[in-house]
Amino acid sequence: MWVGLLGPLRLVVDGEPVEVPGTRRRAVLALLAASAGRTVSIDRILDAVWPDEVPDSGRRALHSHVSRLRGHLGSAADSLLRDPDALP
């Protein structure tokens, strides 16, 4: 898996470019890619995706975006880990 962050956001999985639709989903991917190897809190992602005010449905929407990102990642989906110790 390769994520290009400089210029237009690009995702390549198994040598094939993968389209990641949606501004918010792309923002989640960019933040996670820029933080590779480090745990990123849910609150930090929410603040990055909704900088003005997180809507009541923000957490549910974030979980949906992450789930769909796993689908985009295909064989690389296992690289997106959840830290159970970091959950509220």
Protein backbone atom coordinates (compact mmCIF):
# COMPACT_ATOMS: atom_id res chain seq x y z
CA MET A 1 0.00 0.00 0.00
CA TRP A 2 1.19 3.50 -0.80
CA VAL A 3 -0.50 6.80 0.06
CA GLY A 4 0.62 9.99 -1.67
CA LEU A 5 0.01 13.05 0.47
CA LEU A 6 1.84 15.78 -1.44
CA GLY A 7 -0.32 17.11 -4.24
CA PRO A 8 -3.57 15.25 -4.80
CA LEU A 9 -4.22 12.44 -2.32
CA ARG A 10 -3.46 9.10 -3.98
CA LEU A 11 -3.91 5.55 -2.75
CA VAL A 12 -2.22 2.61 -4.45
CA VAL A 13 -2.92 -0.95 -3.27
CA ASP A 14 -1.16 -3.96 -4.81
CA GLY A 15 0.20 -1.69 -7.53
CA GLU A 16 -3.26 -0.46 -8.57
CA PRO A 17 -4.61 3.06 -7.98
CA VAL A 18 -7.69 3.11 -5.78
CA GLU A 19 -10.24 5.93 -5.88
CA VAL A 20 -11.26 7.12 -2.42
CA PRO A 21 -14.44 9.17 -2.75
CA GLY A 22 -15.60 11.86 -0.38
CA THR A 23 -13.80 14.75 1.23
CA ARG A 24 -14.20 13.45 4.77
CA ARG A 25 -13.10 9.91 3.96
CA ARG A 26 -10.07 11.29 2.13
CA ALA A 27 -9.31 13.49 5.17
CA VAL A 28 -9.41 10.43 7.46
CA LEU A 29 -7.07 8.54 5.11
CA ALA A 30 -4.66 11.48 4.91
CA LEU A 31 -4.54 11.93 8.68
CA LEU A 32 -3.99 8.23 9.31
CA ALA A 33 -1.32 7.99 6.61
CA ALA A 34 0.49 11.05 7.98
CA SER A 35 0.38 9.42 11.43
CA ALA A 36 1.60 6.00 10.26
CA GLY A 37 2.80 3.84 13.10
CA ARG A 38 1.17 5.98 15.78
CA THR A 39 -2.19 5.71 17.50
CA VAL A 40 -4.57 8.49 16.46
CA SER A 41 -7.38 9.20 18.91
CA ILE A 42 -10.97 9.28 17.77
CA ASP A 43 -11.25 12.84 19.08
CA ARG A 44 -8.26 13.96 17.00
CA ILE A 45 -9.78 12.46 13.85
CA LEU A 46 -13.17 14.00 14.60
CA ASP A 47 -11.59 17.43 15.10
CA ALA A 48 -9.68 17.10 11.82
CA VAL A 49 -12.72 16.00 9.83
CA TRP A 50 -15.14 18.48 11.41
CA PRO A 51 -12.94 21.41 12.54
CA ASP A 52 -15.81 23.79 13.32
CA GLU A 53 -18.16 21.52 15.22
CA VAL A 54 -18.53 17.76 15.32
CA PRO A 55 -22.14 16.82 14.56
CA ASP A 56 -24.06 14.50 16.88
CA SER A 57 -23.66 11.78 14.26
CA GLY A 58 -19.90 12.38 13.96
CA ARG A 59 -18.73 9.22 15.73
CA ARG A 60 -21.11 7.01 13.76
CA ALA A 61 -20.05 8.71 10.52
CA LEU A 62 -16.38 8.28 11.41
CA HIS A 63 -16.87 4.55 12.04
CA SER A 64 -18.58 4.32 8.66
CA HIS A 65 -15.71 6.14 6.93
CA VAL A 66 -13.13 3.86 8.55
CA SER A 67 -15.13 0.76 7.60
CA ARG A 68 -15.33 1.93 4.00
CA LEU A 69 -11.62 2.79 4.02
CA ARG A 70 -10.92 -0.80 4.98
CA GLY A 71 -12.81 -1.81 1.84
CA HIS A 72 -10.73 0.57 -0.29
CA LEU A 73 -7.54 -0.84 1.24
CA GLY A 74 -8.40 -4.38 0.15
CA SER A 75 -5.47 -6.67 0.93
CA ALA A 76 -3.86 -3.88 2.99
CA ALA A 77 -6.89 -3.46 5.29
CA ASP A 78 -5.05 -5.21 8.12
CA SER A 79 -2.66 -2.25 8.29
CA LEU A 80 -5.50 -0.15 9.72
CA LEU A 81 -5.53 -1.26 13.34
CA ARG A 82 -7.78 -0.39 16.24
CA ASP A 83 -6.21 0.07 19.66
CA PRO A 84 -8.74 -1.27 22.21
CA ASP A 85 -6.81 0.42 25.03
CA ALA A 86 -7.37 3.83 23.38
CA LEU A 87 -11.15 3.57 23.25
CA PRO A 88 -13.17 5.73 25.64
